[in-house]
Amino acid sequence: MSIAVDIDVMLAKRKMSVGELADRIGITPANLAVLKNGRAKAVRFATLAALCEVLECQPGDLLRWEAEGAAGE
């Protein structure tokens, strides 16, 4: 079981850079990159809420479950 992170999809839809998003939600670009690339072990609800507010989306637009062996792993 794996959680896929689709922050890059929302960034493209909103025509926003990683640096701009990081500034607007109050985390470093490096920490946002860890989350965006699926290497984070956890995400704070406050960070998830900030992402949703800035990107004007729902948590399900950013995170999705994939079965083991699914494409993208």
PDB file of N, CA and C in Angstrom:
ATOM      1  N   MET A   1       0.853  -1.172   0.000  1.00  0.00           N
ATOM      2  CA  MET A   1       0.000   0.000   0.000  1.00  0.00           C
ATOM      3  C   MET A   1       0.888   1.220   0.000  1.00  0.00           C
ATOM      4  N   SER A   2       0.504   2.218  -0.781  1.00  0.00           N
ATOM      5  CA  SER A   2       1.317   3.408  -0.933  1.00  0.00           C
ATOM      6  C   SER A   2       0.421   4.620  -1.137  1.00  0.00           C
ATOM      7  N   ILE A   3       0.851   5.737  -0.598  1.00  0.00           N
ATOM      8  CA  ILE A   3       0.136   6.989  -0.805  1.00  0.00           C
ATOM      9  C   ILE A   3       0.888   7.798  -1.844  1.00  0.00           C
ATOM     10  N   ALA A   4       0.226   8.155  -2.926  1.00  0.00           N
ATOM     11  CA  ALA A   4       0.820   8.976  -3.984  1.00  0.00           C
ATOM     12  C   ALA A   4       0.464  10.434  -3.716  1.00  0.00           C
ATOM     13  N   VAL A   5       1.406  11.311  -3.973  1.00  0.00           N
ATOM     14  CA  VAL A   5       1.225  12.744  -3.741  1.00  0.00           C
ATOM     15  C   VAL A   5       1.160  13.446  -5.094  1.00  0.00           C
ATOM     16  N   ASP A   6       0.086  14.199  -5.310  1.00  0.00           N
ATOM     17  CA  ASP A   6      -0.141  14.869  -6.592  1.00  0.00           C
ATOM     18  C   ASP A   6      -0.026  16.384  -6.492  1.00  0.00           C
ATOM     19  N   ILE A   7       0.874  16.862  -5.639  1.00  0.00           N
ATOM     20  CA  ILE A   7       1.057  18.311  -5.507  1.00  0.00           C
ATOM     21  C   ILE A   7       1.512  18.911  -6.833  1.00  0.00           C
ATOM     22  N   ASP A   8       2.373  18.208  -7.562  1.00  0.00           N
ATOM     23  CA  ASP A   8       2.864  18.733  -8.832  1.00  0.00           C
ATOM     24  C   ASP A   8       1.733  18.941  -9.841  1.00  0.00           C
ATOM     25  N   VAL A   9       0.720  18.072  -9.793  1.00  0.00           N
ATOM     26  CA  VAL A   9      -0.435  18.225 -10.688  1.00  0.00           C
ATOM     27  C   VAL A   9      -1.182  19.515 -10.364  1.00  0.00           C
ATOM     28  N   MET A  10      -1.408  19.750  -9.068  1.00  0.00           N
ATOM     29  CA  MET A  10      -2.122  20.965  -8.668  1.00  0.00           C
ATOM     30  C   MET A  10      -1.292  22.214  -8.948  1.00  0.00           C
ATOM     31  N   LEU A  11       0.031  22.123  -8.762  1.00  0.00           N
ATOM     32  CA  LEU A  11       0.899  23.261  -9.088  1.00  0.00           C
ATOM     33  C   LEU A  11       0.768  23.622 -10.564  1.00  0.00           C
ATOM     34  N   ALA A  12       0.768  22.619 -11.426  1.00  0.00           N
ATOM     35  CA  ALA A  12       0.631  22.868 -12.862  1.00  0.00           C
ATOM     36  C   ALA A  12      -0.732  23.489 -13.184  1.00  0.00           C
ATOM     37  N   LYS A  13      -1.791  22.970 -12.562  1.00  0.00           N
ATOM     38  CA  LYS A  13      -3.132  23.510 -12.805  1.00  0.00           C
ATOM     39  C   LYS A  13      -3.242  24.957 -12.358  1.00  0.00           C
ATOM     40  N   ARG A  14      -2.535  25.299 -11.269  1.00  0.00           N
ATOM     41  CA  ARG A  14      -2.602  26.665 -10.720  1.00  0.00           C
ATOM     42  C   ARG A  14      -1.507  27.573 -11.274  1.00  0.00           C
ATOM     43  N   LYS A  15      -0.645  27.000 -12.140  1.00  0.00           N
ATOM     44  CA  LYS A  15       0.478  27.741 -12.724  1.00  0.00           C
ATOM     45  C   LYS A  15       1.301  28.421 -11.636  1.00  0.00           C
ATOM     46  N   MET A  16       1.699  27.619 -10.643  1.00  0.00           N
ATOM     47  CA  MET A  16       2.431  28.111  -9.481  1.00  0.00           C
ATOM     48  C   MET A  16       3.733  27.323  -9.349  1.00  0.00           C
ATOM     49  N   SER A  17       4.785  27.997  -8.922  1.00  0.00           N
ATOM     50  CA  SER A  17       6.067  27.326  -8.726  1.00  0.00           C
ATOM     51  C   SER A  17       6.144  26.720  -7.331  1.00  0.00           C
ATOM     52  N   VAL A  18       7.067  25.779  -7.168  1.00  0.00           N
ATOM     53  CA  VAL A  18       7.300  25.170  -5.855  1.00  0.00           C
ATOM     54  C   VAL A  18       7.726  26.236  -4.859  1.00  0.00           C
ATOM     55  N   GLY A  19       8.594  27.141  -5.281  1.00  0.00           N
ATOM     56  CA  GLY A  19       9.065  28.205  -4.397  1.00  0.00           C
ATOM     57  C   GLY A  19       7.941  29.113  -3.923  1.00  0.00           C
ATOM     58  N   GLU A  20       7.055  29.480  -4.838  1.00  0.00           N
ATOM     59  CA  GLU A  20       5.918  30.333  -4.472  1.00  0.00           C
ATOM     60  C   GLU A  20       4.998  29.613  -3.487  1.00  0.00           C
ATOM     61  N   LEU A  21       4.707  28.343  -3.761  1.00  0.00           N
ATOM     62  CA  LEU A  21       3.845  27.579  -2.858  1.00  0.00           C
ATOM     63  C   LEU A  21       4.484  27.461  -1.485  1.00  0.00           C
ATOM     64  N   ALA A  22       5.766  27.146  -1.437  1.00  0.00           N
ATOM     65  CA  ALA A  22       6.474  27.021  -0.158  1.00  0.00           C
ATOM     66  C   ALA A  22       6.380  28.328   0.635  1.00  0.00           C
ATOM     67  N   ASP A  23       6.612  29.457  -0.028  1.00  0.00           N
ATOM     68  CA  ASP A  23       6.505  30.760   0.641  1.00  0.00           C
ATOM     69  C   ASP A  23       5.097  30.991   1.191  1.00  0.00           C
ATOM     70  N   ARG A  24       4.106  30.674   0.388  1.00  0.00           N
ATOM     71  CA  ARG A  24       2.719  30.952   0.776  1.00  0.00           C
ATOM     72  C   ARG A  24       2.215  30.057   1.899  1.00  0.00           C
ATOM     73  N   ILE A  25       2.761  28.834   2.021  1.00  0.00           N
ATOM     74  CA  ILE A  25       2.307  27.959   3.115  1.00  0.00           C
ATOM     75  C   ILE A  25       3.257  27.978   4.305  1.00  0.00           C
ATOM     76  N   GLY A  26       4.411  28.626   4.140  1.00  0.00           N
ATOM     77  CA  GLY A  26       5.303  28.805   5.278  1.00  0.00           C
ATOM     78  C   GLY A  26       6.226  27.637   5.584  1.00  0.00           C
ATOM     79  N   ILE A  27       6.654  26.898   4.545  1.00  0.00           N
ATOM     80  CA  ILE A  27       7.665  25.853   4.750  1.00  0.00           C
ATOM     81  C   ILE A  27       8.793  26.078   3.749  1.00  0.00           C
ATOM     82  N   THR A  28       9.904  25.418   3.967  1.00  0.00           N
ATOM     83  CA  THR A  28      11.030  25.588   3.058  1.00  0.00           C
ATOM     84  C   THR A  28      10.762  24.846   1.750  1.00  0.00           C
ATOM     85  N   PRO A  29      11.343  25.344   0.649  1.00  0.00           N
ATOM     86  CA  PRO A  29      11.199  24.616  -0.616  1.00  0.00           C
ATOM     87  C   PRO A  29      11.731  23.180  -0.516  1.00  0.00           C
ATOM     88  N   ALA A  30      12.775  22.970   0.281  1.00  0.00           N
ATOM     89  CA  ALA A  30      13.320  21.613   0.442  1.00  0.00           C
ATOM     90  C   ALA A  30      12.305  20.693   1.116  1.00  0.00           C
ATOM     91  N   ASN A  31      11.640  21.185   2.162  1.00  0.00           N
ATOM     92  CA  ASN A  31      10.630  20.356   2.834  1.00  0.00           C
ATOM     93  C   ASN A  31       9.421  20.117   1.940  1.00  0.00           C
ATOM     94  N   LEU A  32       9.050  21.106   1.141  1.00  0.00           N
ATOM     95  CA  LEU A  32       7.952  20.905   0.199  1.00  0.00           C
ATOM     96  C   LEU A  32       8.344  19.876  -0.855  1.00  0.00           C
ATOM     97  N   ALA A  33       9.597  19.902  -1.302  1.00  0.00           N
ATOM     98  CA  ALA A  33      10.064  18.928  -2.286  1.00  0.00           C
ATOM     99  C   ALA A  33       9.999  17.504  -1.727  1.00  0.00           C
ATOM    100  N   VAL A  34      10.352  17.334  -0.451  1.00  0.00           N
ATOM    101  CA  VAL A  34      10.264  16.009   0.187  1.00  0.00           C
ATOM    102  C   VAL A  34       8.821  15.512   0.156  1.00  0.00           C
ATOM    103  N   LEU A  35       7.892  16.390   0.484  1.00  0.00           N
ATOM    104  CA  LEU A  35       6.476  16.024   0.462  1.00  0.00           C
ATOM    105  C   LEU A  35       6.012  15.773  -0.972  1.00  0.00           C
ATOM    106  N   LYS A  36       6.341  16.672  -1.869  1.00  0.00           N
ATOM    107  CA  LYS A  36       5.905  16.585  -3.266  1.00  0.00           C
ATOM    108  C   LYS A  36       6.405  15.316  -3.948  1.00  0.00           C
ATOM    109  N   ASN A  37       7.618  14.901  -3.612  1.00  0.00           N
ATOM    110  CA  ASN A  37       8.206  13.729  -4.256  1.00  0.00           C
ATOM    111  C   ASN A  37       7.868  12.418  -3.566  1.00  0.00           C
ATOM    112  N   GLY A  38       6.983  12.473  -2.565  1.00  0.00           N
ATOM    113  CA  GLY A  38       6.509  11.266  -1.912  1.00  0.00           C
ATOM    114  C   GLY A  38       7.494  10.642  -0.940  1.00  0.00           C
ATOM    115  N   ARG A  39       8.491  11.396  -0.493  1.00  0.00           N
ATOM    116  CA  ARG A  39       9.481  10.860   0.435  1.00  0.00           C
ATOM    117  C   ARG A  39       9.149  11.162   1.895  1.00  0.00           C
ATOM    118  N   ALA A  40       8.109  11.937   2.150  1.00  0.00           N
ATOM    119  CA  ALA A  40       7.733  12.276   3.524  1.00  0.00           C
ATOM    120  C   ALA A  40       7.101  11.067   4.211  1.00  0.00           C
ATOM    121  N   LYS A  41       7.390  10.910   5.491  1.00  0.00           N
ATOM    122  CA  LYS A  41       6.795   9.830   6.281  1.00  0.00           C
ATOM    123  C   LYS A  41       5.473  10.274   6.904  1.00  0.00           C
ATOM    124  N   ALA A  42       5.268  11.583   6.996  1.00  0.00           N
ATOM    125  CA  ALA A  42       4.054  12.119   7.617  1.00  0.00           C
ATOM    126  C   ALA A  42       3.827  13.540   7.101  1.00  0.00           C
ATOM    127  N   VAL A  43       2.607  14.012   7.254  1.00  0.00           N
ATOM    128  CA  VAL A  43       2.292  15.403   6.933  1.00  0.00           C
ATOM    129  C   VAL A  43       1.363  15.921   8.030  1.00  0.00           C
ATOM    130  N   ARG A  44       1.662  17.080   8.526  1.00  0.00           N
ATOM    131  CA  ARG A  44       0.805  17.691   9.547  1.00  0.00           C
ATOM    132  C   ARG A  44      -0.496  18.148   8.909  1.00  0.00           C
ATOM    133  N   PHE A  45      -1.581  18.013   9.667  1.00  0.00           N
ATOM    134  CA  PHE A  45      -2.865  18.490   9.155  1.00  0.00           C
ATOM    135  C   PHE A  45      -2.812  19.987   8.867  1.00  0.00           C
ATOM    136  N   ALA A  46      -2.072  20.745   9.666  1.00  0.00           N
ATOM    137  CA  ALA A  46      -1.953  22.186   9.433  1.00  0.00           C
ATOM    138  C   ALA A  46      -1.295  22.454   8.078  1.00  0.00           C
ATOM    139  N   THR A  47      -0.291  21.654   7.725  1.00  0.00           N
ATOM    140  CA  THR A  47       0.373  21.808   6.430  1.00  0.00           C
ATOM    141  C   THR A  47      -0.574  21.409   5.305  1.00  0.00           C
ATOM    142  N   LEU A  48      -1.290  20.310   5.488  1.00  0.00           N
ATOM    143  CA  LEU A  48      -2.256  19.866   4.487  1.00  0.00           C
ATOM    144  C   LEU A  48      -3.346  20.917   4.292  1.00  0.00           C
ATOM    145  N   ALA A  49      -3.825  21.492   5.385  1.00  0.00           N
ATOM    146  CA  ALA A  49      -4.844  22.538   5.303  1.00  0.00           C
ATOM    147  C   ALA A  49      -4.311  23.760   4.561  1.00  0.00           C
ATOM    148  N   ALA A  50      -3.069  24.146   4.843  1.00  0.00           N
ATOM    149  CA  ALA A  50      -2.467  25.297   4.163  1.00  0.00           C
ATOM    150  C   ALA A  50      -2.316  25.023   2.669  1.00  0.00           C
ATOM    151  N   LEU A  51      -1.888  23.812   2.320  1.00  0.00           N
ATOM    152  CA  LEU A  51      -1.784  23.436   0.909  1.00  0.00           C
ATOM    153  C   LEU A  51      -3.143  23.559   0.217  1.00  0.00           C
ATOM    154  N   CYS A  52      -4.168  23.027   0.857  1.00  0.00           N
ATOM    155  CA  CYS A  52      -5.516  23.074   0.276  1.00  0.00           C
ATOM    156  C   CYS A  52      -6.014  24.509   0.141  1.00  0.00           C
ATOM    157  N   GLU A  53      -5.723  25.333   1.135  1.00  0.00           N
ATOM    158  CA  GLU A  53      -6.172  26.733   1.075  1.00  0.00           C
ATOM    159  C   GLU A  53      -5.494  27.471  -0.073  1.00  0.00           C
ATOM    160  N   VAL A  54      -4.186  27.354  -0.175  1.00  0.00           N
ATOM    161  CA  VAL A  54      -3.440  28.077  -1.203  1.00  0.00           C
ATOM    162  C   VAL A  54      -3.751  27.536  -2.601  1.00  0.00           C
ATOM    163  N   LEU A  55      -3.853  26.216  -2.728  1.00  0.00           N
ATOM    164  CA  LEU A  55      -4.113  25.612  -4.033  1.00  0.00           C
ATOM    165  C   LEU A  55      -5.601  25.527  -4.360  1.00  0.00           C
ATOM    166  N   GLU A  56      -6.445  25.933  -3.405  1.00  0.00           N
ATOM    167  CA  GLU A  56      -7.902  25.918  -3.589  1.00  0.00           C
ATOM    168  C   GLU A  56      -8.371  24.537  -4.047  1.00  0.00           C
ATOM    169  N   CYS A  57      -8.075  23.545  -3.203  1.00  0.00           N
ATOM    170  CA  CYS A  57      -8.433  22.169  -3.538  1.00  0.00           C
ATOM    171  C   CYS A  57      -8.799  21.409  -2.269  1.00  0.00           C
ATOM    172  N   GLN A  58      -9.132  20.148  -2.426  1.00  0.00           N
ATOM    173  CA  GLN A  58      -9.450  19.264  -1.320  1.00  0.00           C
ATOM    174  C   GLN A  58      -8.261  18.332  -1.066  1.00  0.00           C
ATOM    175  N   PRO A  59      -8.133  17.769   0.150  1.00  0.00           N
ATOM    176  CA  PRO A  59      -7.031  16.840   0.424  1.00  0.00           C
ATOM    177  C   PRO A  59      -6.950  15.696  -0.584  1.00  0.00           C
ATOM    178  N   GLY A  60      -8.083  15.214  -1.040  1.00  0.00           N
ATOM    179  CA  GLY A  60      -8.108  14.134  -2.019  1.00  0.00           C
ATOM    180  C   GLY A  60      -7.545  14.521  -3.377  1.00  0.00           C
ATOM    181  N   ASP A  61      -7.436  15.822  -3.640  1.00  0.00           N
ATOM    182  CA  ASP A  61      -6.805  16.274  -4.876  1.00  0.00           C
ATOM    183  C   ASP A  61      -5.286  16.163  -4.788  1.00  0.00           C
ATOM    184  N   LEU A  62      -4.765  16.083  -3.567  1.00  0.00           N
ATOM    185  CA  LEU A  62      -3.323  16.053  -3.334  1.00  0.00           C
ATOM    186  C   LEU A  62      -2.792  14.676  -2.983  1.00  0.00           C
ATOM    187  N   LEU A  63      -3.625  13.847  -2.363  1.00  0.00           N
ATOM    188  CA  LEU A  63      -3.199  12.534  -1.887  1.00  0.00           C
ATOM    189  C   LEU A  63      -4.137  11.453  -2.404  1.00  0.00           C
ATOM    190  N   ARG A  64      -3.548  10.317  -2.805  1.00  0.00           N
ATOM    191  CA  ARG A  64      -4.378   9.187  -3.231  1.00  0.00           C
ATOM    192  C   ARG A  64      -3.657   7.895  -2.895  1.00  0.00           C
ATOM    193  N   TRP A  65      -4.424   6.858  -2.656  1.00  0.00           N
ATOM    194  CA  TRP A  65      -3.881   5.548  -2.325  1.00  0.00           C
ATOM    195  C   TRP A  65      -3.641   4.764  -3.604  1.00  0.00           C
ATOM    196  N   GLU A  66      -2.503   4.059  -3.671  1.00  0.00           N
ATOM    197  CA  GLU A  66      -2.202   3.161  -4.780  1.00  0.00           C
ATOM    198  C   GLU A  66      -1.869   1.781  -4.213  1.00  0.00           C
ATOM    199  N   ALA A  67      -2.323   0.760  -4.886  1.00  0.00           N
ATOM    200  CA  ALA A  67      -1.981  -0.611  -4.492  1.00  0.00           C
ATOM    201  C   ALA A  67      -0.498  -0.851  -4.778  1.00  0.00           C
ATOM    202  N   GLU A  68       0.091  -1.799  -4.066  1.00  0.00           N
ATOM    203  CA  GLU A  68       1.497  -2.160  -4.301  1.00  0.00           C
ATOM    204  C   GLU A  68       1.692  -2.544  -5.755  1.00  0.00           C
ATOM    205  N   GLY A  69       2.816  -2.115  -6.322  1.00  0.00           N
ATOM    206  CA  GLY A  69       3.127  -2.467  -7.698  1.00  0.00           C
ATOM    207  C   GLY A  69       2.411  -1.624  -8.735  1.00  0.00           C
ATOM    208  N   ALA A  70       1.638  -0.614  -8.298  1.00  0.00           N
ATOM    209  CA  ALA A  70       0.935   0.249  -9.261  1.00  0.00           C
ATOM    210  C   ALA A  70       1.941   1.152  -9.956  1.00  0.00           C
ATOM    211  N   ALA A  71       1.562   1.649 -11.097  1.00  0.00           N
ATOM    212  CA  ALA A  71       2.434   2.555 -11.858  1.00  0.00           C
ATOM    213  C   ALA A  71       2.796   3.769 -11.026  1.00  0.00           C
ATOM    214  N   GLY A  72       4.021   4.273 -11.187  1.00  0.00           N
ATOM    215  CA  GLY A  72       4.453   5.455 -10.483  1.00  0.00           C
ATOM    216  C   GLY A  72       5.232   5.171  -9.226  1.00  0.00           C
ATOM    217  N   GLU A  73       5.395   3.888  -8.871  1.00  0.00           N
ATOM    218  CA  GLU A  73       6.162   3.560  -7.658  1.00  0.00           C
ATOM    219  C   GLU A  73       7.592   3.346  -8.016  1.00  0.00           C
TER     220      GLU A  73
END
